[in-house]
Protein backbone atom coordinates (compact mmCIF):
# COMPACT_ATOMS: atom_id res chain seq x y z
CA MET A 1 -22.19 0.58 3.82
CA LYS A 2 -21.68 -2.48 1.75
CA VAL A 3 -18.39 -3.88 1.35
CA SER A 4 -16.85 -5.56 -1.62
CA VAL A 5 -13.69 -7.83 -1.41
CA LEU A 6 -11.67 -7.96 -4.74
CA ILE A 7 -9.14 -11.05 -5.38
CA PRO A 8 -7.16 -11.60 -7.93
CA VAL A 9 -6.31 -15.19 -8.99
CA TYR A 10 -3.48 -16.91 -10.60
CA ASN A 11 -2.69 -20.66 -10.43
CA GLU A 12 -3.69 -20.78 -6.59
CA ALA A 13 -5.71 -24.10 -6.64
CA PRO A 14 -3.76 -25.53 -3.71
CA ARG A 15 -4.47 -22.47 -1.63
CA ILE A 16 -8.29 -21.64 -2.46
CA PRO A 17 -9.94 -24.23 -0.23
CA ALA A 18 -8.34 -22.42 2.76
CA LEU A 19 -8.97 -19.26 1.06
CA ILE A 20 -12.85 -19.94 0.71
CA LYS A 21 -13.16 -20.95 4.46
CA ALA A 22 -11.38 -18.42 5.70
CA LEU A 23 -13.78 -16.01 3.46
CA THR A 24 -17.06 -18.07 4.93
CA THR A 25 -15.97 -16.91 8.40
CA VAL A 26 -15.74 -13.17 7.17
CA GLY A 27 -19.01 -13.29 5.55
CA LYS A 28 -20.65 -14.42 8.54
CA ARG A 29 -19.24 -11.39 10.57
CA SER A 30 -19.74 -9.01 7.96
CA LYS A 31 -23.33 -9.70 6.36
CA GLY A 32 -23.92 -8.66 2.64
CA THR A 33 -20.37 -8.44 1.73
CA GLU A 34 -19.46 -9.34 -1.86
CA PHE A 35 -16.84 -11.28 -2.64
CA LEU A 36 -15.22 -10.70 -6.53
CA PHE A 37 -12.74 -13.41 -7.68
CA VAL A 38 -10.75 -12.70 -10.84
CA ASP A 39 -9.20 -15.44 -12.61
CA ASN A 40 -6.32 -14.17 -14.80
CA GLY A 41 -5.94 -17.17 -16.97
CA SER A 42 -5.18 -19.83 -14.51
CA THR A 43 -4.07 -23.33 -15.73
CA ASP A 44 -4.18 -25.25 -12.79
CA GLY A 45 -8.04 -25.62 -12.13
CA SER A 46 -8.38 -22.51 -10.06
CA ARG A 47 -11.22 -21.17 -11.98
CA ALA A 48 -13.18 -24.61 -11.65
CA LEU A 49 -12.77 -24.59 -7.84
CA LEU A 50 -13.65 -20.88 -7.77
CA GLU A 51 -17.00 -21.83 -9.59
CA SER A 52 -17.87 -24.67 -7.48
CA ALA A 53 -17.11 -23.49 -4.13
CA ARG A 54 -19.98 -22.58 -1.69
CA LEU A 55 -19.51 -18.73 -0.22
CA ASP A 56 -22.30 -16.34 -0.13
CA GLY A 57 -21.75 -13.33 -2.10
CA LYS A 58 -19.60 -14.85 -4.70
CA ARG A 59 -18.98 -13.92 -8.11
CA VAL A 60 -15.95 -15.42 -10.57
CA LEU A 61 -14.84 -13.01 -13.14
CA SER A 62 -12.10 -13.79 -15.87
CA GLU A 63 -9.61 -11.14 -17.24
CA PRO A 64 -7.43 -12.69 -20.03
CA ARG A 65 -4.95 -9.75 -20.03
CA LYS A 66 -2.00 -11.07 -17.74
CA GLY A 67 -0.55 -8.58 -15.26
CA PHE A 68 -1.00 -7.02 -11.54
CA ALA A 69 -3.22 -4.04 -12.49
CA GLU A 70 -5.60 -6.01 -14.89
CA PRO A 71 -7.46 -8.19 -12.83
CA LEU A 72 -8.02 -5.56 -10.03
CA ASN A 73 -9.16 -3.25 -12.56
CA ARG A 74 -11.75 -5.54 -14.06
CA ALA A 75 -13.31 -6.25 -10.44
CA LEU A 76 -13.43 -2.42 -9.71
CA SER A 77 -15.77 -2.11 -12.89
CA GLU A 78 -17.78 -4.82 -11.30
CA ALA A 79 -17.95 -4.21 -7.58
CA SER A 80 -20.88 -2.59 -6.08
CA GLY A 81 -19.49 -1.78 -2.44
CA ASP A 82 -19.19 1.40 -0.78
CA LEU A 83 -15.99 0.01 0.68
CA LEU A 84 -13.58 -1.81 -1.33
CA LEU A 85 -11.31 -4.12 0.46
CA PHE A 86 -7.97 -5.85 -1.75
CA LEU A 87 -6.87 -9.47 -0.88
CA ASP A 88 -4.80 -11.87 -2.32
CA ALA A 89 -5.35 -15.33 -3.40
CA ASP A 90 -2.77 -16.89 -0.85
CA ALA A 91 -3.52 -14.45 2.00
CA LEU A 92 -6.13 -15.80 4.60
CA PRO A 93 -8.24 -13.03 6.56
CA ASP A 94 -8.95 -12.98 10.22
CA ALA A 95 -12.81 -13.46 10.78
CA ASN A 96 -13.16 -9.78 11.84
CA TRP A 97 -10.95 -8.40 9.33
CA ALA A 98 -13.53 -6.73 7.17
CA GLU A 99 -15.52 -5.20 10.02
CA ALA A 100 -12.13 -3.65 11.27
CA MET A 101 -11.80 -2.42 7.85
CA ARG A 102 -15.24 -1.27 7.60
CA LYS A 103 -14.54 0.70 10.77
CA ALA A 104 -11.37 2.51 10.15
CA LEU A 105 -12.51 3.35 6.73
CA ASN A 106 -15.34 5.21 8.37
CA VAL A 107 -12.63 7.68 9.52
CA ASN A 108 -9.75 7.48 7.03
CA ASP A 109 -9.50 7.47 2.92
CA LEU A 110 -7.29 4.55 2.56
CA VAL A 111 -6.18 1.81 5.00
CA VAL A 112 -3.55 -0.73 5.38
CA GLY A 113 -4.14 -3.79 7.52
CA HIS A 114 -1.82 -5.84 9.32
CA THR A 115 -0.26 -8.58 7.36
CA SER A 116 1.72 -11.40 9.15
CA SER A 117 3.88 -13.84 7.07
CA VAL A 118 3.61 -17.72 7.35
CA PRO A 119 5.99 -20.24 5.90
CA ILE A 120 4.36 -23.36 4.44
CA LYS A 121 5.27 -26.31 6.15
CA LYS A 122 9.10 -27.56 6.03
CA PRO A 123 10.16 -24.18 4.56
CA THR A 124 13.33 -24.06 2.62
CA VAL A 125 16.09 -21.36 3.35
CA TYR A 126 14.44 -19.21 0.86
CA GLY A 127 11.03 -19.80 2.53
CA ARG A 128 12.45 -18.88 6.12
CA LEU A 129 14.31 -15.40 4.52
CA ALA A 130 10.94 -14.79 2.61
CA VAL A 131 9.32 -14.61 5.98
CA LYS A 132 11.67 -12.69 7.58
CA LEU A 133 12.01 -10.59 4.84
CA PHE A 134 8.41 -9.47 4.87
CA GLU A 135 8.05 -9.41 8.71
CA GLY A 136 6.36 -6.10 9.55
CA HIS A 137 6.28 -5.34 6.01
CA SER A 138 2.68 -3.56 5.90
CA GLU A 139 3.26 -1.40 8.99
CA ARG A 140 6.55 -0.54 7.67
CA THR A 141 4.82 0.70 4.32
CA ALA A 142 2.13 2.42 5.86
CA HIS A 143 4.67 4.55 7.70
CA ALA A 144 6.87 5.20 4.81
CA HIS A 145 9.98 3.21 5.86
CA GLY A 146 11.65 2.15 2.73
CA HIS A 147 9.95 4.68 0.66
CA ALA A 148 9.63 8.41 0.38
CA LEU A 149 5.80 8.20 1.00
CA PRO A 150 3.56 5.75 2.45
CA TRP A 151 1.55 2.93 0.55
CA GLY A 152 0.21 -0.18 1.43
CA PRO A 153 0.09 -3.94 -0.70
CA THR A 154 -2.99 -4.92 -2.24
CA CYS A 155 -2.77 -8.22 -0.11
CA ASN A 156 -4.46 -6.20 2.71
CA LEU A 157 -5.68 -3.01 1.51
CA GLY A 158 -8.86 -0.99 1.97
CA ALA A 159 -10.40 2.51 -0.03
CA GLN A 160 -13.57 4.29 -0.03
CA ARG A 161 -15.20 4.07 -3.16
CA ALA A 162 -15.29 7.67 -3.57
CA LEU A 163 -11.79 8.24 -3.52
CA ILE A 164 -11.26 5.09 -6.08
CA GLU A 165 -13.50 7.13 -8.55
CA LYS A 166 -11.43 10.51 -7.56
CA VAL A 167 -8.21 8.58 -8.51
CA GLY A 168 -8.90 6.24 -10.88
CA PRO A 169 -7.80 2.55 -11.64
CA PHE A 170 -4.47 0.68 -11.23
CA SER A 171 -1.92 1.54 -13.69
CA PRO A 172 -0.75 -1.57 -15.64
CA GLU A 173 2.39 0.37 -16.91
CA ALA A 174 3.74 0.71 -13.39
CA THR A 175 4.05 -3.28 -13.32
CA SER A 176 4.88 -4.70 -10.03
CA ALA A 177 4.91 -1.06 -8.36
CA PHE A 178 1.02 -0.88 -9.33
CA ASP A 179 -0.08 -0.72 -5.74
CA ILE A 180 2.35 2.14 -4.48
CA ASP A 181 1.98 3.97 -7.53
CA TRP A 182 -1.86 4.03 -6.66
CA CYS A 183 -1.69 4.98 -3.06
CA TRP A 184 0.88 7.70 -3.96
CA ARG A 185 -1.89 8.76 -6.57
CA ALA A 186 -4.16 8.91 -3.67
CA LEU A 187 -2.07 10.92 -1.61
CA LEU A 188 -1.44 13.36 -4.29
CA ASN A 189 -5.36 13.59 -4.69
CA GLY A 190 -5.22 14.37 -0.59
CA ALA A 191 -6.12 11.21 0.71
CA LEU A 192 -5.20 10.01 4.43
CA ILE A 193 -3.65 6.84 4.82
CA SER A 194 -3.56 5.06 8.09
CA TYR A 195 -2.10 1.74 9.36
CA GLU A 196 -5.04 -0.62 11.18
CA LYS A 197 -3.57 -3.36 13.32
CA ALA A 198 -6.87 -5.25 13.77
CA ALA A 199 -7.51 -5.83 10.35
CA LYS A 200 -5.43 -9.11 10.33
CA VAL A 201 -4.30 -10.99 7.35
CA GLN A 202 -2.27 -14.23 7.25
CA HIS A 203 0.10 -14.45 3.93
CA LEU A 204 1.64 -17.38 2.92
CA ARG A 205 5.19 -16.89 1.81
CA ARG A 206 6.63 -18.69 -1.42
CA ASN A 207 9.34 -21.43 -0.81
CA GLY A 208 11.11 -21.53 -3.74
CA ARG A 209 14.56 -20.20 -4.85
CA THR A 210 13.59 -19.12 -8.24
CA GLU A 211 10.30 -17.50 -7.52
CA LEU A 212 11.82 -15.59 -4.58
CA LEU A 213 14.51 -13.96 -6.88
CA GLU A 214 11.73 -13.44 -9.85
CA GLN A 215 9.93 -11.98 -7.48
CA PHE A 216 12.54 -9.47 -6.24
CA GLU A 217 13.83 -8.46 -9.60
CA ARG A 218 10.03 -7.72 -10.56
CA TYR A 219 10.19 -5.38 -7.52
CA GLY A 220 13.36 -3.58 -8.59
CA LEU A 221 11.48 -3.22 -12.19
CA GLY A 222 8.67 -1.54 -10.50
CA GLU A 223 10.76 0.69 -8.53
CA ALA A 224 12.62 2.05 -11.48
CA TRP A 225 9.40 3.02 -12.87
CA LEU A 226 8.60 4.58 -9.80
CA HIS A 227 11.80 6.84 -9.49
CA ARG A 228 11.45 7.65 -13.29
CA THR A 229 7.83 8.49 -12.81
CA TYR A 230 7.75 10.35 -9.70
CA SER A 231 11.32 12.14 -10.14
CA PHE A 232 9.22 15.85 -10.13
CA LEU A 233 8.53 15.00 -6.46
CA LEU A 234 11.54 13.13 -5.36
CA SER A 235 14.20 15.17 -7.11
CA SER A 236 14.92 18.75 -7.77
CA GLU A 237 14.10 19.44 -11.54
CA ASP A 238 17.61 19.10 -13.05
CA GLN A 239 18.46 16.33 -10.97
CA LYS A 240 17.19 12.71 -12.85
CA PRO A 241 17.66 9.72 -10.70
CA ASP A 242 20.87 7.89 -11.54
CA PRO A 243 20.33 4.06 -12.39
CA LEU A 244 23.61 2.76 -10.58
CA LEU A 245 22.97 4.84 -7.51
CA SER A 246 19.51 3.60 -7.57
CA ALA A 247 20.35 -0.16 -7.91
CA VAL A 248 23.31 0.07 -5.27
CA ASP A 249 20.54 1.70 -3.01
CA ALA A 250 18.34 -0.96 -3.41
CA PHE A 251 20.94 -3.66 -2.30
CA GLN A 252 21.91 -1.77 0.88
CA ARG A 253 18.55 -1.39 1.84
CA LEU A 254 17.85 -5.24 1.49
CA ARG A 255 21.15 -6.53 2.14
CA HIS A 256 22.42 -4.25 4.96
CA HIS A 257 19.15 -3.23 6.77
CA SER A 258 17.32 -6.56 6.90
CA GLU A 259 17.22 -8.50 10.20
CA ALA A 260 18.03 -11.46 8.02
CA ALA A 261 21.40 -10.63 7.52
CA LYS A 262 21.90 -11.16 11.24
CA ILE A 263 20.05 -14.66 11.13
CA LYS A 264 22.67 -17.92 10.52
CA GLY A 265 22.03 -19.63 7.37
CA LEU A 266 20.42 -17.11 5.55
CA ALA A 267 22.96 -14.65 4.62
CA SER A 268 23.92 -16.53 1.40
CA ALA A 269 20.12 -16.71 0.25
CA LEU A 270 20.00 -13.01 1.01
CA ASP A 271 22.89 -12.03 -1.14
CA GLU A 272 21.07 -13.59 -4.12
CA VAL A 273 17.74 -11.77 -3.34
CA ALA A 274 19.65 -8.25 -2.85
CA THR A 275 21.49 -8.93 -5.89
CA ALA A 276 18.17 -9.57 -7.91
CA PHE A 277 16.28 -6.79 -6.48
CA ALA A 278 19.25 -4.43 -7.41
CA SER A 279 19.54 -6.13 -11.18
CA GLY A 280 15.87 -5.57 -11.40
CA VAL A 281 16.32 -1.79 -10.72
CA ARG A 282 19.18 -1.52 -13.27
CA LEU A 283 17.09 -3.46 -16.12
CA GLY A 284 14.17 -1.17 -15.33
CA TYR A 285 16.05 1.96 -16.14
CA GLU A 286 17.54 0.28 -19.15
CA ARG A 287 14.06 -0.61 -20.48
CA PRO A 288 12.05 2.04 -22.34
CA HIS A 289 10.07 3.96 -20.05
CA ARG A 290 6.27 3.27 -20.07
CA ASP A 291 4.31 6.43 -19.46
CA CYS A 292 1.04 6.03 -17.81
CA PRO A 293 -2.11 8.42 -19.07
CA LEU A 294 -3.33 9.07 -15.68
CA GLU A 295 -1.93 12.28 -14.20
CA ARG A 296 0.32 12.84 -11.54
CA VAL A 297 1.06 16.50 -10.01
CA ALA A 298 2.60 17.84 -7.69
CA PRO A 299 0.58 18.47 -4.26
CA SER A 300 -0.57 21.75 -3.43
CA ALA A 301 -1.24 20.61 0.29
CA PRO A 302 1.37 18.32 2.58
CA ILE A 303 0.81 14.45 2.06
CA ALA A 304 -0.21 12.91 5.34
CA TRP A 305 -0.12 9.60 7.17
CA ARG A 306 -1.28 8.58 10.49
CA ASP A 307 1.46 7.34 12.86
CA THR A 308 -0.85 6.83 15.56
CA ALA A 309 -4.64 8.33 16.51
CA LYS A 310 -2.61 11.15 18.03
CA SER A 311 0.26 11.56 15.59
CA VAL A 312 0.32 12.24 11.84
CA SER A 313 3.30 12.74 9.67
CA LEU A 314 3.64 15.28 6.55
CA PHE A 315 5.54 15.33 3.48
CA VAL A 316 5.78 18.91 2.32
CA PRO A 317 7.30 18.80 -1.19
CA GLY A 318 10.49 20.86 -1.30
CA LYS A 319 10.91 20.86 2.64
CA GLY A 320 10.92 16.98 3.65
CA VAL A 321 8.68 15.33 6.31
CA THR A 322 7.94 16.73 9.63
CA SER A 323 5.84 15.12 12.53
CA LEU A 324 2.74 16.59 14.19
CA ALA A 325 1.27 15.31 17.69
CA GLY A 326 -0.71 16.98 20.51
CA LYS A 327 -1.73 20.67 19.89
CA GLN A 328 0.05 21.17 16.78
CA LEU A 329 -1.99 18.26 15.21
CA THR A 330 -5.18 19.51 16.96
CA LEU A 331 -4.39 22.94 15.20
CA TRP A 332 -3.56 21.37 11.67
CA GLU A 333 -6.85 18.95 11.67
CA ALA A 334 -8.94 22.41 12.16
CA ILE A 335 -6.92 23.93 9.21
CA GLN A 336 -7.62 20.70 6.90
CA ARG A 337 -11.66 21.01 8.31
CA GLY A 338 -11.60 24.71 6.66
CA ASP A 339 -12.15 26.09 10.01
CA ASP A 340 -12.29 30.04 9.89
CA GLU A 341 -9.77 32.54 11.02
CA ALA A 342 -11.57 33.72 14.09
CA SER A 343 -12.39 30.00 15.17
CA LEU A 344 -8.57 29.10 14.46
CA ILE A 345 -7.44 32.42 16.77
CA LYS A 346 -10.16 31.09 19.30
CA LEU A 347 -8.62 27.43 19.19
CA PHE A 348 -4.88 28.69 19.19
CA ARG A 349 -5.51 31.07 22.06
CA LYS A 350 -7.31 27.87 24.00
CA LEU A 351 -4.25 25.47 23.06
CA PHE A 352 -1.34 27.81 23.51
CA LYS A 353 -2.59 30.65 25.74
CA GLY A 354 -1.58 33.51 23.66
CA SER A 355 -3.23 36.87 22.36
CA ASP A 356 -4.90 37.35 19.45
CA GLU A 357 -2.22 38.99 17.73
CA GLU A 358 0.56 36.15 18.50
CA ALA A 359 -1.92 33.70 17.42
CA ALA A 360 -2.42 35.31 13.74
CA HIS A 361 1.33 35.31 13.56
CA VAL A 362 2.07 31.93 14.63
CA LEU A 363 -0.90 30.76 12.29
CA HIS A 364 0.55 32.68 9.27
CA ASP A 365 3.95 31.12 10.23
CA PHE A 366 2.51 27.27 10.82
CA ARG A 367 0.41 27.61 7.32
CA ARG A 368 3.62 28.88 5.60
CA ASN A 369 6.01 25.83 6.52
CA LEU A 370 3.19 23.59 5.32
CA GLU A 371 3.29 25.00 1.68
CA PRO A 372 4.96 23.01 -0.89
């Protein structure tokens, strides 16, 4: 299947040569790959560098509307691949990245690759803090550590075209939470998300104090939008998210649950970043809510994500998260495939050694426990 790589670009001139070099190697390993760069109004000569770069399968597009979602939606409208991979312009993929993603997408709808954080030379305290904060980030997001549901950042994400056509474009209304929102919509549409450690990308982290504070304030704005948009799923109908509690929770997650808090010299900078994050959450609640026309509905089936090849986690609305492994996972996969009752009873007896009556009873309870 053909692969398209989608890369938004805004003022990344210093990083473009290294990116082109890395993608050239990717293209040699994954023949016929299409590389779509979308310049989002750069003023530092990024567009000219992209135009002059030698890279087989390269196309350079423009998107004048500034934002996170807009350039990727422009790329989606032009991409011709069956498998679509998302990458940031300041992220360097491993030579085997596209092939690892291709392999993973043969068995999963949505794949989060492994992203490692890399500092620039002679990093400031904020540069060191950024690397620490994002250490293991992609693996955590893919397993819903820090959020109610899993997701993957578009600095290293892959999806089947059929899923994208089903879910729709990215939501500009979601601002910095555009990738979280898109992944959650995919999950609500029945997609299975997985983490692929072989799909490696190195992400160059920012070094400046102002850059990092602004980045986390934007994250806070996006998180507030998520809380309000998905309150139907994350809260009871009569319980709306509280701005103050949400801001305090944002501060606590970053300041008190980060390994960076234990590192000498990072505590003061971490306080600033955590405060910026919490301030963004509060500000996000104060701003008028931007509704998205794309539909989000409560799921009629559990939302699933893979922990390992032999384990899966399920979020059942109204009932919480449960994990299935071993025999239970085998049974769940058979139900997901749509196996008939007779086949399920036969499988149950093989796995658990029971009578037909016991199998029918347990299957009934199993299904009921997985109903929202």
